[in-house]
Amino acid sequence: MSNYDWQKSSYSGTSANCIDVAADDGTIKLRESDSPDTIVTTTPEKLRAFILGIKAGEFDHFVNDATDIAPDTASPEHPSGAQTG
């Protein structure tokens, strides 16, 4: 296990399911507190672009698509219930 100085948001409180962040030699490390051995490495620029995309709603369709399709809505055209579009 690495010895990074992990930080989590004060908004997380005592919650166990949150993202930990650490900076190391020009990169940003991210991990989920529930899976601390899995670490994603990115750059500050890419993380900034990702966060701005989230705030701008660029990924909302992923959430909307998942909640709009119930498992029991399978059709001959979409046997798994998954639809594209």
N, C-alpha and C. Protein backbone atom coordinates (compact mmCIF):
# COMPACT_ATOMS: atom_id res chain seq x y z
N MET A 1 0.84 -1.18 0.00
CA MET A 1 0.00 0.00 0.00
C MET A 1 0.88 1.24 0.00
N SER A 2 0.47 2.26 -0.73
CA SER A 2 1.25 3.48 -0.84
C SER A 2 1.12 4.34 0.41
N ASN A 3 2.06 5.24 0.54
CA ASN A 3 2.05 6.15 1.68
C ASN A 3 1.68 7.57 1.25
N TYR A 4 0.65 7.70 0.45
CA TYR A 4 0.19 9.01 0.02
C TYR A 4 -0.55 9.70 1.16
N ASP A 5 -0.60 11.01 1.10
CA ASP A 5 -1.34 11.80 2.08
C ASP A 5 -2.78 11.94 1.57
N TRP A 6 -3.60 10.91 1.82
CA TRP A 6 -4.97 10.87 1.31
C TRP A 6 -5.84 11.87 2.05
N GLN A 7 -6.71 12.52 1.30
CA GLN A 7 -7.66 13.47 1.87
C GLN A 7 -9.04 13.14 1.34
N LYS A 8 -10.05 13.43 2.14
CA LYS A 8 -11.42 13.28 1.67
C LYS A 8 -12.19 14.54 2.01
N SER A 9 -13.24 14.76 1.31
CA SER A 9 -14.04 15.96 1.49
C SER A 9 -14.63 16.02 2.88
N SER A 10 -14.68 17.22 3.43
CA SER A 10 -15.32 17.39 4.73
C SER A 10 -16.82 17.13 4.63
N TYR A 11 -17.37 17.18 3.42
CA TYR A 11 -18.79 16.88 3.22
C TYR A 11 -19.08 15.40 3.42
N SER A 12 -18.06 14.57 3.34
CA SER A 12 -18.25 13.13 3.50
C SER A 12 -18.55 12.75 4.94
N GLY A 13 -18.12 13.55 5.88
CA GLY A 13 -18.35 13.24 7.29
C GLY A 13 -17.74 11.91 7.65
N THR A 14 -18.53 11.05 8.27
CA THR A 14 -18.05 9.72 8.65
C THR A 14 -18.46 8.66 7.65
N SER A 15 -19.03 9.08 6.53
CA SER A 15 -19.47 8.14 5.50
C SER A 15 -18.30 7.31 4.97
N ALA A 16 -18.55 6.05 4.71
CA ALA A 16 -17.49 5.15 4.25
C ALA A 16 -17.37 5.15 2.72
N ASN A 17 -18.40 5.56 2.02
CA ASN A 17 -18.36 5.50 0.55
C ASN A 17 -18.05 6.88 -0.02
N CYS A 18 -16.77 7.20 -0.08
CA CYS A 18 -16.35 8.49 -0.60
C CYS A 18 -15.05 8.32 -1.38
N ILE A 19 -14.67 9.37 -2.07
CA ILE A 19 -13.46 9.36 -2.86
C ILE A 19 -12.34 10.03 -2.07
N ASP A 20 -11.20 9.37 -2.01
CA ASP A 20 -10.00 9.93 -1.39
C ASP A 20 -9.12 10.48 -2.50
N VAL A 21 -8.44 11.60 -2.23
CA VAL A 21 -7.60 12.26 -3.22
C VAL A 21 -6.22 12.50 -2.62
N ALA A 22 -5.18 12.31 -3.44
CA ALA A 22 -3.81 12.61 -3.03
C ALA A 22 -3.06 13.18 -4.22
N ALA A 23 -2.12 14.07 -3.94
CA ALA A 23 -1.26 14.63 -4.99
C ALA A 23 0.12 14.01 -4.84
N ASP A 24 0.74 13.68 -6.00
CA ASP A 24 2.06 13.06 -5.96
C ASP A 24 2.84 13.43 -7.22
N ASP A 25 3.87 14.21 -7.07
CA ASP A 25 4.81 14.49 -8.16
C ASP A 25 4.10 14.92 -9.45
N GLY A 26 3.19 15.87 -9.36
CA GLY A 26 2.51 16.39 -10.54
C GLY A 26 1.31 15.59 -11.01
N THR A 27 0.96 14.53 -10.30
CA THR A 27 -0.22 13.75 -10.66
C THR A 27 -1.21 13.76 -9.51
N ILE A 28 -2.42 13.38 -9.82
CA ILE A 28 -3.50 13.26 -8.82
C ILE A 28 -3.85 11.79 -8.71
N LYS A 29 -3.95 11.29 -7.50
CA LYS A 29 -4.35 9.91 -7.23
C LYS A 29 -5.77 9.94 -6.66
N LEU A 30 -6.60 9.03 -7.14
CA LEU A 30 -7.98 8.90 -6.67
C LEU A 30 -8.23 7.46 -6.27
N ARG A 31 -8.99 7.27 -5.21
CA ARG A 31 -9.40 5.92 -4.82
C ARG A 31 -10.73 6.02 -4.10
N GLU A 32 -11.47 4.94 -4.13
CA GLU A 32 -12.70 4.86 -3.34
C GLU A 32 -12.32 4.32 -1.97
N SER A 33 -12.90 4.90 -0.95
CA SER A 33 -12.55 4.49 0.41
C SER A 33 -12.88 3.02 0.66
N ASP A 34 -13.88 2.49 -0.04
CA ASP A 34 -14.25 1.08 0.11
C ASP A 34 -13.26 0.13 -0.56
N SER A 35 -12.48 0.65 -1.52
CA SER A 35 -11.50 -0.16 -2.26
C SER A 35 -10.16 0.57 -2.30
N PRO A 36 -9.51 0.72 -1.16
CA PRO A 36 -8.31 1.56 -1.10
C PRO A 36 -7.12 1.04 -1.88
N ASP A 37 -7.12 -0.22 -2.29
CA ASP A 37 -6.00 -0.76 -3.05
C ASP A 37 -6.08 -0.43 -4.54
N THR A 38 -7.23 0.03 -5.01
CA THR A 38 -7.40 0.41 -6.41
C THR A 38 -7.22 1.92 -6.52
N ILE A 39 -6.19 2.34 -7.23
CA ILE A 39 -5.85 3.75 -7.34
C ILE A 39 -5.84 4.16 -8.81
N VAL A 40 -6.53 5.25 -9.11
CA VAL A 40 -6.55 5.81 -10.45
C VAL A 40 -5.64 7.04 -10.44
N THR A 41 -4.78 7.14 -11.44
CA THR A 41 -3.86 8.27 -11.55
C THR A 41 -4.24 9.13 -12.74
N THR A 42 -4.26 10.44 -12.54
CA THR A 42 -4.58 11.37 -13.61
C THR A 42 -3.75 12.64 -13.42
N THR A 43 -3.94 13.58 -14.32
CA THR A 43 -3.25 14.86 -14.19
C THR A 43 -4.23 15.89 -13.65
N PRO A 44 -3.72 16.97 -13.08
CA PRO A 44 -4.64 18.03 -12.61
C PRO A 44 -5.50 18.58 -13.74
N GLU A 45 -4.94 18.69 -14.93
CA GLU A 45 -5.70 19.23 -16.06
C GLU A 45 -6.86 18.32 -16.46
N LYS A 46 -6.60 17.03 -16.50
CA LYS A 46 -7.67 16.09 -16.88
C LYS A 46 -8.73 16.00 -15.79
N LEU A 47 -8.32 16.04 -14.53
CA LEU A 47 -9.29 16.01 -13.44
C LEU A 47 -10.15 17.27 -13.48
N ARG A 48 -9.54 18.41 -13.74
CA ARG A 48 -10.29 19.67 -13.84
C ARG A 48 -11.31 19.59 -14.97
N ALA A 49 -10.90 19.09 -16.13
CA ALA A 49 -11.82 18.96 -17.26
C ALA A 49 -12.97 18.01 -16.92
N PHE A 50 -12.68 16.93 -16.22
CA PHE A 50 -13.71 15.97 -15.82
C PHE A 50 -14.71 16.61 -14.87
N ILE A 51 -14.22 17.32 -13.88
CA ILE A 51 -15.10 17.98 -12.91
C ILE A 51 -15.95 19.05 -13.59
N LEU A 52 -15.34 19.84 -14.48
CA LEU A 52 -16.12 20.84 -15.21
C LEU A 52 -17.20 20.18 -16.07
N GLY A 53 -16.87 19.02 -16.67
CA GLY A 53 -17.86 18.28 -17.45
C GLY A 53 -19.02 17.80 -16.60
N ILE A 54 -18.71 17.33 -15.40
CA ILE A 54 -19.77 16.90 -14.48
C ILE A 54 -20.67 18.08 -14.13
N LYS A 55 -20.06 19.21 -13.79
CA LYS A 55 -20.84 20.39 -13.41
C LYS A 55 -21.69 20.91 -14.58
N ALA A 56 -21.19 20.73 -15.80
CA ALA A 56 -21.91 21.20 -16.98
C ALA A 56 -22.99 20.21 -17.44
N GLY A 57 -23.06 19.06 -16.80
CA GLY A 57 -24.09 18.08 -17.15
C GLY A 57 -23.73 17.18 -18.30
N GLU A 58 -22.45 17.14 -18.69
CA GLU A 58 -22.05 16.34 -19.84
C GLU A 58 -22.25 14.84 -19.65
N PHE A 59 -22.40 14.39 -18.42
CA PHE A 59 -22.54 12.96 -18.16
C PHE A 59 -23.93 12.60 -17.64
N ASP A 60 -24.83 13.55 -17.60
CA ASP A 60 -26.17 13.30 -17.08
C ASP A 60 -26.91 12.21 -17.83
N HIS A 61 -26.63 12.08 -19.11
CA HIS A 61 -27.35 11.07 -19.90
C HIS A 61 -27.05 9.66 -19.41
N PHE A 62 -25.89 9.44 -18.79
CA PHE A 62 -25.61 8.12 -18.24
C PHE A 62 -26.56 7.80 -17.10
N VAL A 63 -26.81 8.75 -16.26
CA VAL A 63 -27.73 8.56 -15.13
C VAL A 63 -29.15 8.46 -15.65
N ASN A 64 -29.53 9.33 -16.54
CA ASN A 64 -30.89 9.32 -17.08
C ASN A 64 -31.18 8.03 -17.83
N ASP A 65 -30.23 7.56 -18.64
CA ASP A 65 -30.43 6.31 -19.37
C ASP A 65 -30.62 5.14 -18.41
N ALA A 66 -29.86 5.11 -17.34
CA ALA A 66 -29.94 4.00 -16.38
C ALA A 66 -31.25 4.01 -15.61
N THR A 67 -31.78 5.18 -15.30
CA THR A 67 -33.00 5.23 -14.51
C THR A 67 -34.25 5.17 -15.38
N ASP A 68 -34.11 5.51 -16.67
CA ASP A 68 -35.27 5.49 -17.56
C ASP A 68 -35.64 4.08 -18.02
N ILE A 69 -34.71 3.14 -17.90
CA ILE A 69 -34.93 1.79 -18.42
C ILE A 69 -35.01 0.81 -17.26
N ALA A 70 -36.17 0.31 -17.00
CA ALA A 70 -36.33 -0.68 -15.94
C ALA A 70 -35.99 -2.06 -16.50
N PRO A 71 -35.50 -2.97 -15.65
CA PRO A 71 -35.13 -4.30 -16.13
C PRO A 71 -36.27 -5.06 -16.80
N ASP A 72 -37.51 -4.77 -16.44
CA ASP A 72 -38.63 -5.51 -17.01
C ASP A 72 -39.19 -4.86 -18.28
N THR A 73 -38.42 -3.94 -18.89
CA THR A 73 -38.90 -3.27 -20.09
C THR A 73 -38.26 -3.81 -21.36
N ALA A 74 -37.75 -5.02 -21.32
CA ALA A 74 -37.13 -5.62 -22.50
C ALA A 74 -38.16 -5.76 -23.61
N SER A 75 -37.67 -5.55 -24.83
CA SER A 75 -38.54 -5.70 -26.00
C SER A 75 -37.78 -6.51 -27.04
N PRO A 76 -38.45 -6.95 -28.12
CA PRO A 76 -37.72 -7.69 -29.16
C PRO A 76 -36.56 -6.89 -29.74
N GLU A 77 -36.73 -5.57 -29.85
CA GLU A 77 -35.66 -4.73 -30.39
C GLU A 77 -34.52 -4.57 -29.39
N HIS A 78 -34.82 -4.60 -28.11
CA HIS A 78 -33.84 -4.40 -27.04
C HIS A 78 -34.04 -5.46 -25.97
N PRO A 79 -33.58 -6.70 -26.20
CA PRO A 79 -33.85 -7.80 -25.29
C PRO A 79 -33.36 -7.57 -23.87
N SER A 80 -32.30 -6.81 -23.71
CA SER A 80 -31.77 -6.60 -22.36
C SER A 80 -32.45 -5.43 -21.66
N GLY A 81 -33.31 -4.72 -22.39
CA GLY A 81 -33.92 -3.52 -21.85
C GLY A 81 -33.09 -2.28 -22.14
N ALA A 82 -31.88 -2.48 -22.62
CA ALA A 82 -31.00 -1.34 -22.93
C ALA A 82 -31.39 -0.74 -24.27
N GLN A 83 -31.40 0.55 -24.31
CA GLN A 83 -31.74 1.26 -25.53
C GLN A 83 -30.64 2.28 -25.81
N THR A 84 -30.42 2.59 -27.04
CA THR A 84 -29.44 3.61 -27.39
C THR A 84 -30.17 4.78 -28.02
N GLY A 85 -29.51 5.90 -27.99
CA GLY A 85 -30.15 7.03 -28.64
C GLY A 85 -29.98 8.28 -27.98
